Amino acid sequence: MDGDARLWDTREFVAQWNAATEAHLVHQLQQVLNDMVAKGVLPSLSQPEIERLAPMFVHALQVAAARDGGAHAAIQYLAEATASRKTAG
């Protein structure tokens, strides 16, 4: 029983760690995207647009970094994520 509790604690810790890490990366990417907009590297994006895009891009980077991932997998993820969203307007 004690081993089961430790396993659950470990899984919970890993889940919380992954969530915190992802939130940190999203925040960092939002700052980079804001800087890119300010310097004219990207076209004008509103703060809500940046906040909507950053988590998708972070997830795409995680897909690319995965053992069975890569650039193709990341682009496929972005294509699928885009297709699943409603179009604006």
PDB file of N, CA and C in Angstrom:
ATOM      1  N   MET A   1       0.812  -1.189   0.000  1.00  0.00           N
ATOM      2  CA  MET A   1       0.000   0.000   0.000  1.00  0.00           C
ATOM      3  C   MET A   1       0.857   1.255   0.000  1.00  0.00           C
ATOM      4  N   ASP A   2       1.907   1.238   0.803  1.00  0.00           N
ATOM      5  CA  ASP A   2       2.790   2.400   0.879  1.00  0.00           C
ATOM      6  C   ASP A   2       3.439   2.672  -0.473  1.00  0.00           C
ATOM      7  N   GLY A   3       3.804   1.606  -1.194  1.00  0.00           N
ATOM      8  CA  GLY A   3       4.396   1.769  -2.517  1.00  0.00           C
ATOM      9  C   GLY A   3       3.431   2.423  -3.492  1.00  0.00           C
ATOM     10  N   ASP A   4       2.147   2.071  -3.399  1.00  0.00           N
ATOM     11  CA  ASP A   4       1.129   2.681  -4.255  1.00  0.00           C
ATOM     12  C   ASP A   4       1.001   4.171  -3.989  1.00  0.00           C
ATOM     13  N   ALA A   5       1.058   4.550  -2.722  1.00  0.00           N
ATOM     14  CA  ALA A   5       0.956   5.968  -2.358  1.00  0.00           C
ATOM     15  C   ALA A   5       2.139   6.747  -2.913  1.00  0.00           C
ATOM     16  N   ARG A   6       3.335   6.162  -2.811  1.00  0.00           N
ATOM     17  CA  ARG A   6       4.524   6.847  -3.350  1.00  0.00           C
ATOM     18  C   ARG A   6       4.432   6.973  -4.866  1.00  0.00           C
ATOM     19  N   LEU A   7       3.927   5.925  -5.533  1.00  0.00           N
ATOM     20  CA  LEU A   7       3.772   5.983  -6.987  1.00  0.00           C
ATOM     21  C   LEU A   7       2.801   7.091  -7.363  1.00  0.00           C
ATOM     22  N   TRP A   8       1.686   7.186  -6.633  1.00  0.00           N
ATOM     23  CA  TRP A   8       0.721   8.250  -6.907  1.00  0.00           C
ATOM     24  C   TRP A   8       1.341   9.618  -6.661  1.00  0.00           C
ATOM     25  N   ASP A   9       2.067   9.758  -5.560  1.00  0.00           N
ATOM     26  CA  ASP A   9       2.727  11.029  -5.265  1.00  0.00           C
ATOM     27  C   ASP A   9       3.711  11.394  -6.365  1.00  0.00           C
ATOM     28  N   THR A  10       4.433  10.403  -6.874  1.00  0.00           N
ATOM     29  CA  THR A  10       5.396  10.653  -7.951  1.00  0.00           C
ATOM     30  C   THR A  10       4.674  11.096  -9.214  1.00  0.00           C
ATOM     31  N   ARG A  11       3.610  10.402  -9.568  1.00  0.00           N
ATOM     32  CA  ARG A  11       2.848  10.779 -10.771  1.00  0.00           C
ATOM     33  C   ARG A  11       2.267  12.182 -10.626  1.00  0.00           C
ATOM     34  N   GLU A  12       1.724  12.464  -9.447  1.00  0.00           N
ATOM     35  CA  GLU A  12       1.159  13.786  -9.205  1.00  0.00           C
ATOM     36  C   GLU A  12       2.247  14.858  -9.287  1.00  0.00           C
ATOM     37  N   PHE A  13       3.408  14.576  -8.700  1.00  0.00           N
ATOM     38  CA  PHE A  13       4.519  15.522  -8.763  1.00  0.00           C
ATOM     39  C   PHE A  13       4.933  15.776 -10.211  1.00  0.00           C
ATOM     40  N   VAL A  14       5.070  14.716 -10.987  1.00  0.00           N
ATOM     41  CA  VAL A  14       5.479  14.856 -12.386  1.00  0.00           C
ATOM     42  C   VAL A  14       4.436  15.655 -13.166  1.00  0.00           C
ATOM     43  N   ALA A  15       3.171  15.383 -12.926  1.00  0.00           N
ATOM     44  CA  ALA A  15       2.110  16.122 -13.611  1.00  0.00           C
ATOM     45  C   ALA A  15       2.160  17.609 -13.250  1.00  0.00           C
ATOM     46  N   GLN A  16       2.338  17.898 -11.968  1.00  0.00           N
ATOM     47  CA  GLN A  16       2.418  19.293 -11.543  1.00  0.00           C
ATOM     48  C   GLN A  16       3.678  19.969 -12.085  1.00  0.00           C
ATOM     49  N   TRP A  17       4.784  19.227 -12.103  1.00  0.00           N
ATOM     50  CA  TRP A  17       6.034  19.765 -12.628  1.00  0.00           C
ATOM     51  C   TRP A  17       5.875  20.096 -14.107  1.00  0.00           C
ATOM     52  N   ASN A  18       5.281  19.179 -14.872  1.00  0.00           N
ATOM     53  CA  ASN A  18       5.080  19.407 -16.300  1.00  0.00           C
ATOM     54  C   ASN A  18       4.182  20.607 -16.545  1.00  0.00           C
ATOM     55  N   ALA A  19       3.134  20.747 -15.748  1.00  0.00           N
ATOM     56  CA  ALA A  19       2.228  21.887 -15.896  1.00  0.00           C
ATOM     57  C   ALA A  19       2.943  23.196 -15.582  1.00  0.00           C
ATOM     58  N   ALA A  20       3.736  23.202 -14.523  1.00  0.00           N
ATOM     59  CA  ALA A  20       4.472  24.416 -14.150  1.00  0.00           C
ATOM     60  C   ALA A  20       5.512  24.766 -15.208  1.00  0.00           C
ATOM     61  N   THR A  21       6.186  23.756 -15.714  1.00  0.00           N
ATOM     62  CA  THR A  21       7.192  23.987 -16.758  1.00  0.00           C
ATOM     63  C   THR A  21       6.541  24.542 -18.010  1.00  0.00           C
ATOM     64  N   GLU A  22       5.415  23.964 -18.406  1.00  0.00           N
ATOM     65  CA  GLU A  22       4.726  24.446 -19.596  1.00  0.00           C
ATOM     66  C   GLU A  22       4.244  25.884 -19.405  1.00  0.00           C
ATOM     67  N   ALA A  23       3.703  26.191 -18.246  1.00  0.00           N
ATOM     68  CA  ALA A  23       3.244  27.560 -17.975  1.00  0.00           C
ATOM     69  C   ALA A  23       4.413  28.545 -18.051  1.00  0.00           C
ATOM     70  N   HIS A  24       5.565  28.148 -17.522  1.00  0.00           N
ATOM     71  CA  HIS A  24       6.754  28.993 -17.577  1.00  0.00           C
ATOM     72  C   HIS A  24       7.197  29.216 -19.028  1.00  0.00           C
ATOM     73  N   LEU A  25       7.214  28.148 -19.822  1.00  0.00           N
ATOM     74  CA  LEU A  25       7.617  28.268 -21.220  1.00  0.00           C
ATOM     75  C   LEU A  25       6.640  29.130 -22.012  1.00  0.00           C
ATOM     76  N   VAL A  26       5.361  28.984 -21.731  1.00  0.00           N
ATOM     77  CA  VAL A  26       4.354  29.808 -22.407  1.00  0.00           C
ATOM     78  C   VAL A  26       4.593  31.276 -22.076  1.00  0.00           C
ATOM     79  N   HIS A  27       4.851  31.570 -20.808  1.00  0.00           N
ATOM     80  CA  HIS A  27       5.115  32.953 -20.399  1.00  0.00           C
ATOM     81  C   HIS A  27       6.355  33.499 -21.111  1.00  0.00           C
ATOM     82  N   GLN A  28       7.417  32.696 -21.161  1.00  0.00           N
ATOM     83  CA  GLN A  28       8.633  33.134 -21.853  1.00  0.00           C
ATOM     84  C   GLN A  28       8.366  33.388 -23.334  1.00  0.00           C
ATOM     85  N   LEU A  29       7.618  32.495 -23.970  1.00  0.00           N
ATOM     86  CA  LEU A  29       7.326  32.662 -25.389  1.00  0.00           C
ATOM     87  C   LEU A  29       6.463  33.887 -25.630  1.00  0.00           C
ATOM     88  N   GLN A  30       5.530  34.167 -24.730  1.00  0.00           N
ATOM     89  CA  GLN A  30       4.727  35.375 -24.868  1.00  0.00           C
ATOM     90  C   GLN A  30       5.619  36.615 -24.849  1.00  0.00           C
ATOM     91  N   GLN A  31       6.611  36.625 -23.984  1.00  0.00           N
ATOM     92  CA  GLN A  31       7.540  37.753 -23.926  1.00  0.00           C
ATOM     93  C   GLN A  31       8.331  37.876 -25.231  1.00  0.00           C
ATOM     94  N   VAL A  32       8.778  36.749 -25.763  1.00  0.00           N
ATOM     95  CA  VAL A  32       9.525  36.759 -27.026  1.00  0.00           C
ATOM     96  C   VAL A  32       8.631  37.255 -28.158  1.00  0.00           C
ATOM     97  N   LEU A  33       7.404  36.767 -28.230  1.00  0.00           N
ATOM     98  CA  LEU A  33       6.491  37.204 -29.282  1.00  0.00           C
ATOM     99  C   LEU A  33       6.196  38.698 -29.163  1.00  0.00           C
ATOM    100  N   ASN A  34       5.992  39.194 -27.949  1.00  0.00           N
ATOM    101  CA  ASN A  34       5.794  40.635 -27.749  1.00  0.00           C
ATOM    102  C   ASN A  34       7.002  41.421 -28.258  1.00  0.00           C
ATOM    103  N   ASP A  35       8.192  40.939 -27.952  1.00  0.00           N
ATOM    104  CA  ASP A  35       9.419  41.603 -28.397  1.00  0.00           C
ATOM    105  C   ASP A  35       9.530  41.569 -29.919  1.00  0.00           C
ATOM    106  N   MET A  36       9.175  40.438 -30.518  1.00  0.00           N
ATOM    107  CA  MET A  36       9.233  40.321 -31.973  1.00  0.00           C
ATOM    108  C   MET A  36       8.260  41.295 -32.645  1.00  0.00           C
ATOM    109  N   VAL A  37       7.080  41.461 -32.065  1.00  0.00           N
ATOM    110  CA  VAL A  37       6.108  42.416 -32.592  1.00  0.00           C
ATOM    111  C   VAL A  37       6.651  43.839 -32.432  1.00  0.00           C
ATOM    112  N   ALA A  38       7.189  44.145 -31.249  1.00  0.00           N
ATOM    113  CA  ALA A  38       7.709  45.493 -30.976  1.00  0.00           C
ATOM    114  C   ALA A  38       8.835  45.861 -31.928  1.00  0.00           C
ATOM    115  N   LYS A  39       9.644  44.870 -32.335  1.00  0.00           N
ATOM    116  CA  LYS A  39      10.782  45.131 -33.221  1.00  0.00           C
ATOM    117  C   LYS A  39      10.440  44.966 -34.696  1.00  0.00           C
ATOM    118  N   GLY A  40       9.183  44.674 -34.995  1.00  0.00           N
ATOM    119  CA  GLY A  40       8.755  44.557 -36.380  1.00  0.00           C
ATOM    120  C   GLY A  40       9.104  43.236 -37.045  1.00  0.00           C
ATOM    121  N   VAL A  41       9.550  42.275 -36.280  1.00  0.00           N
ATOM    122  CA  VAL A  41       9.874  40.960 -36.836  1.00  0.00           C
ATOM    123  C   VAL A  41       8.593  40.226 -37.220  1.00  0.00           C
ATOM    124  N   LEU A  42       7.554  40.399 -36.412  1.00  0.00           N
ATOM    125  CA  LEU A  42       6.229  39.834 -36.677  1.00  0.00           C
ATOM    126  C   LEU A  42       5.262  40.974 -36.935  1.00  0.00           C
ATOM    127  N   PRO A  43       4.213  40.691 -37.714  1.00  0.00           N
ATOM    128  CA  PRO A  43       3.186  41.728 -37.881  1.00  0.00           C
ATOM    129  C   PRO A  43       2.500  41.972 -36.540  1.00  0.00           C
ATOM    130  N   SER A  44       1.784  43.038 -36.485  1.00  0.00           N
ATOM    131  CA  SER A  44       1.115  43.406 -35.237  1.00  0.00           C
ATOM    132  C   SER A  44       0.181  42.305 -34.771  1.00  0.00           C
ATOM    133  N   LEU A  45       0.416  41.820 -33.568  1.00  0.00           N
ATOM    134  CA  LEU A  45      -0.452  40.845 -32.917  1.00  0.00           C
ATOM    135  C   LEU A  45      -0.927  41.460 -31.614  1.00  0.00           C
ATOM    136  N   SER A  46      -2.197  41.274 -31.315  1.00  0.00           N
ATOM    137  CA  SER A  46      -2.717  41.786 -30.044  1.00  0.00           C
ATOM    138  C   SER A  46      -2.273  40.862 -28.914  1.00  0.00           C
ATOM    139  N   GLN A  47      -2.376  41.357 -27.691  1.00  0.00           N
ATOM    140  CA  GLN A  47      -2.019  40.541 -26.532  1.00  0.00           C
ATOM    141  C   GLN A  47      -2.879  39.278 -26.459  1.00  0.00           C
ATOM    142  N   PRO A  48      -4.196  39.376 -26.699  1.00  0.00           N
ATOM    143  CA  PRO A  48      -5.001  38.142 -26.686  1.00  0.00           C
ATOM    144  C   PRO A  48      -4.561  37.139 -27.772  1.00  0.00           C
ATOM    145  N   GLU A  49      -4.154  37.635 -28.919  1.00  0.00           N
ATOM    146  CA  GLU A  49      -3.669  36.733 -29.972  1.00  0.00           C
ATOM    147  C   GLU A  49      -2.380  36.031 -29.542  1.00  0.00           C
ATOM    148  N   ILE A  50      -1.488  36.793 -28.938  1.00  0.00           N
ATOM    149  CA  ILE A  50      -0.234  36.211 -28.444  1.00  0.00           C
ATOM    150  C   ILE A  50      -0.518  35.182 -27.362  1.00  0.00           C
ATOM    151  N   GLU A  51      -1.446  35.506 -26.465  1.00  0.00           N
ATOM    152  CA  GLU A  51      -1.797  34.573 -25.393  1.00  0.00           C
ATOM    153  C   GLU A  51      -2.451  33.310 -25.932  1.00  0.00           C
ATOM    154  N   ARG A  52      -3.132  33.413 -27.060  1.00  0.00           N
ATOM    155  CA  ARG A  52      -3.754  32.246 -27.679  1.00  0.00           C
ATOM    156  C   ARG A  52      -2.741  31.410 -28.454  1.00  0.00           C
ATOM    157  N   LEU A  53      -1.771  32.069 -29.087  1.00  0.00           N
ATOM    158  CA  LEU A  53      -0.781  31.367 -29.912  1.00  0.00           C
ATOM    159  C   LEU A  53       0.322  30.695 -29.100  1.00  0.00           C
ATOM    160  N   ALA A  54       0.782  31.346 -28.048  1.00  0.00           N
ATOM    161  CA  ALA A  54       1.943  30.847 -27.308  1.00  0.00           C
ATOM    162  C   ALA A  54       1.781  29.407 -26.822  1.00  0.00           C
ATOM    163  N   PRO A  55       0.657  29.028 -26.209  1.00  0.00           N
ATOM    164  CA  PRO A  55       0.540  27.628 -25.765  1.00  0.00           C
ATOM    165  C   PRO A  55       0.587  26.633 -26.925  1.00  0.00           C
ATOM    166  N   MET A  56       0.000  27.012 -28.064  1.00  0.00           N
ATOM    167  CA  MET A  56       0.048  26.124 -29.234  1.00  0.00           C
ATOM    168  C   MET A  56       1.480  25.937 -29.716  1.00  0.00           C
ATOM    169  N   PHE A  57       2.236  27.024 -29.751  1.00  0.00           N
ATOM    170  CA  PHE A  57       3.624  26.944 -30.222  1.00  0.00           C
ATOM    171  C   PHE A  57       4.500  26.171 -29.232  1.00  0.00           C
ATOM    172  N   VAL A  58       4.274  26.364 -27.945  1.00  0.00           N
ATOM    173  CA  VAL A  58       5.037  25.612 -26.942  1.00  0.00           C
ATOM    174  C   VAL A  58       4.752  24.125 -27.106  1.00  0.00           C
ATOM    175  N   HIS A  59       3.482  23.787 -27.288  1.00  0.00           N
ATOM    176  CA  HIS A  59       3.147  22.373 -27.465  1.00  0.00           C
ATOM    177  C   HIS A  59       3.789  21.827 -28.744  1.00  0.00           C
ATOM    178  N   ALA A  60       3.799  22.615 -29.798  1.00  0.00           N
ATOM    179  CA  ALA A  60       4.440  22.186 -31.046  1.00  0.00           C
ATOM    180  C   ALA A  60       5.938  21.952 -30.832  1.00  0.00           C
ATOM    181  N   LEU A  61       6.577  22.809 -30.057  1.00  0.00           N
ATOM    182  CA  LEU A  61       7.999  22.611 -29.756  1.00  0.00           C
ATOM    183  C   LEU A  61       8.208  21.335 -28.944  1.00  0.00           C
ATOM    184  N   GLN A  62       7.289  21.051 -28.026  1.00  0.00           N
ATOM    185  CA  GLN A  62       7.384  19.820 -27.250  1.00  0.00           C
ATOM    186  C   GLN A  62       7.193  18.594 -28.144  1.00  0.00           C
ATOM    187  N   VAL A  63       6.273  18.685 -29.100  1.00  0.00           N
ATOM    188  CA  VAL A  63       6.068  17.598 -30.063  1.00  0.00           C
ATOM    189  C   VAL A  63       7.345  17.390 -30.874  1.00  0.00           C
ATOM    190  N   ALA A  64       7.952  18.489 -31.309  1.00  0.00           N
ATOM    191  CA  ALA A  64       9.185  18.387 -32.098  1.00  0.00           C
ATOM    192  C   ALA A  64      10.319  17.768 -31.299  1.00  0.00           C
ATOM    193  N   ALA A  65      10.365  18.028 -30.007  1.00  0.00           N
ATOM    194  CA  ALA A  65      11.455  17.533 -29.162  1.00  0.00           C
ATOM    195  C   ALA A  65      11.247  16.094 -28.699  1.00  0.00           C
ATOM    196  N   ALA A  66      10.044  15.577 -28.858  1.00  0.00           N
ATOM    197  CA  ALA A  66       9.751  14.214 -28.405  1.00  0.00           C
ATOM    198  C   ALA A  66      10.571  13.205 -29.200  1.00  0.00           C
ATOM    199  N   ARG A  67      10.796  12.063 -28.598  1.00  0.00           N
ATOM    200  CA  ARG A  67      11.602  11.004 -29.215  1.00  0.00           C
ATOM    201  C   ARG A  67      11.086  10.646 -30.604  1.00  0.00           C
ATOM    202  N   ASP A  68       9.778  10.532 -30.757  1.00  0.00           N
ATOM    203  CA  ASP A  68       9.207  10.175 -32.057  1.00  0.00           C
ATOM    204  C   ASP A  68       8.650  11.400 -32.783  1.00  0.00           C
ATOM    205  N   GLY A  69       9.048  12.577 -32.350  1.00  0.00           N
ATOM    206  CA  GLY A  69       8.557  13.821 -32.935  1.00  0.00           C
ATOM    207  C   GLY A  69       9.452  14.318 -34.048  1.00  0.00           C
ATOM    208  N   GLY A  70       9.613  15.595 -34.113  1.00  0.00           N
ATOM    209  CA  GLY A  70      10.410  16.241 -35.144  1.00  0.00           C
ATOM    210  C   GLY A  70       9.624  17.389 -35.738  1.00  0.00           C
ATOM    211  N   ALA A  71      10.244  18.092 -36.653  1.00  0.00           N
ATOM    212  CA  ALA A  71       9.607  19.256 -37.271  1.00  0.00           C
ATOM    213  C   ALA A  71       8.319  18.871 -37.984  1.00  0.00           C
ATOM    214  N   HIS A  72       8.338  17.741 -38.688  1.00  0.00           N
ATOM    215  CA  HIS A  72       7.132  17.312 -39.407  1.00  0.00           C
ATOM    216  C   HIS A  72       5.973  17.067 -38.443  1.00  0.00           C
ATOM    217  N   ALA A  73       6.253  16.412 -37.329  1.00  0.00           N
ATOM    218  CA  ALA A  73       5.213  16.140 -36.334  1.00  0.00           C
ATOM    219  C   ALA A  73       4.690  17.437 -35.724  1.00  0.00           C
ATOM    220  N   ALA A  74       5.571  18.386 -35.491  1.00  0.00           N
ATOM    221  CA  ALA A  74       5.157  19.670 -34.917  1.00  0.00           C
ATOM    222  C   ALA A  74       4.263  20.433 -35.893  1.00  0.00           C
ATOM    223  N   ILE A  75       4.635  20.440 -37.148  1.00  0.00           N
ATOM    224  CA  ILE A  75       3.821  21.124 -38.164  1.00  0.00           C
ATOM    225  C   ILE A  75       2.475  20.427 -38.314  1.00  0.00           C
ATOM    226  N   GLN A  76       2.484  19.096 -38.264  1.00  0.00           N
ATOM    227  CA  GLN A  76       1.228  18.345 -38.331  1.00  0.00           C
ATOM    228  C   GLN A  76       0.333  18.700 -37.139  1.00  0.00           C
ATOM    229  N   TYR A  77       0.938  18.811 -35.948  1.00  0.00           N
ATOM    230  CA  TYR A  77       0.167  19.203 -34.767  1.00  0.00           C
ATOM    231  C   TYR A  77      -0.464  20.584 -34.983  1.00  0.00           C
ATOM    232  N   LEU A  78       0.324  21.543 -35.474  1.00  0.00           N
ATOM    233  CA  LEU A  78      -0.206  22.891 -35.694  1.00  0.00           C
ATOM    234  C   LEU A  78      -1.324  22.883 -36.733  1.00  0.00           C
ATOM    235  N   ALA A  79      -1.169  22.074 -37.789  1.00  0.00           N
ATOM    236  CA  ALA A  79      -2.215  21.981 -38.817  1.00  0.00           C
ATOM    237  C   ALA A  79      -3.502  21.414 -38.214  1.00  0.00           C
ATOM    238  N   GLU A  80      -3.365  20.371 -37.404  1.00  0.00           N
ATOM    239  CA  GLU A  80      -4.542  19.765 -36.781  1.00  0.00           C
ATOM    240  C   GLU A  80      -5.183  20.714 -35.755  1.00  0.00           C
ATOM    241  N   ALA A  81      -4.345  21.402 -34.980  1.00  0.00           N
ATOM    242  CA  ALA A  81      -4.866  22.352 -33.993  1.00  0.00           C
ATOM    243  C   ALA A  81      -5.600  23.494 -34.694  1.00  0.00           C
ATOM    244  N   THR A  82      -5.078  23.923 -35.820  1.00  0.00           N
ATOM    245  CA  THR A  82      -5.715  25.006 -36.586  1.00  0.00           C
ATOM    246  C   THR A  82      -7.027  24.524 -37.181  1.00  0.00           C
ATOM    247  N   ALA A  83      -7.039  23.323 -37.735  1.00  0.00           N
ATOM    248  CA  ALA A  83      -8.248  22.791 -38.357  1.00  0.00           C
ATOM    249  C   ALA A  83      -9.366  22.580 -37.341  1.00  0.00           C
ATOM    250  N   SER A  84      -9.005  22.306 -36.101  1.00  0.00           N
ATOM    251  CA  SER A  84     -10.014  22.025 -35.084  1.00  0.00           C
ATOM    252  C   SER A  84     -10.605  23.288 -34.481  1.00  0.00           C
ATOM    253  N   ARG A  85     -10.057  24.443 -34.797  1.00  0.00           N
ATOM    254  CA  ARG A  85     -10.552  25.706 -34.239  1.00  0.00           C
ATOM    255  C   ARG A  85     -11.535  26.341 -35.218  1.00  0.00           C
ATOM    256  N   LYS A  86     -12.496  27.075 -34.669  1.00  0.00           N
ATOM    257  CA  LYS A  86     -13.430  27.806 -35.500  1.00  0.00           C
ATOM    258  C   LYS A  86     -12.719  28.996 -36.126  1.00  0.00           C
ATOM    259  N   THR A  87     -13.097  29.336 -37.328  1.00  0.00           N
ATOM    260  CA  THR A  87     -12.509  30.500 -37.970  1.00  0.00           C
ATOM    261  C   THR A  87     -13.140  31.755 -37.401  1.00  0.00           C
ATOM    262  N   ALA A  88     -12.326  32.797 -37.306  1.00  0.00           N
ATOM    263  CA  ALA A  88     -12.811  34.067 -36.778  1.00  0.00           C
ATOM    264  C   ALA A  88     -13.679  34.761 -37.820  1.00  0.00           C
ATOM    265  N   GLY A  89     -14.628  35.516 -37.349  1.00  0.00           N
ATOM    266  CA  GLY A  89     -15.409  36.333 -38.251  1.00  0.00           C
ATOM    267  C   GLY A  89     -16.736  35.768 -38.472  1.00  0.00           C
TER     268      GLY A  89
END
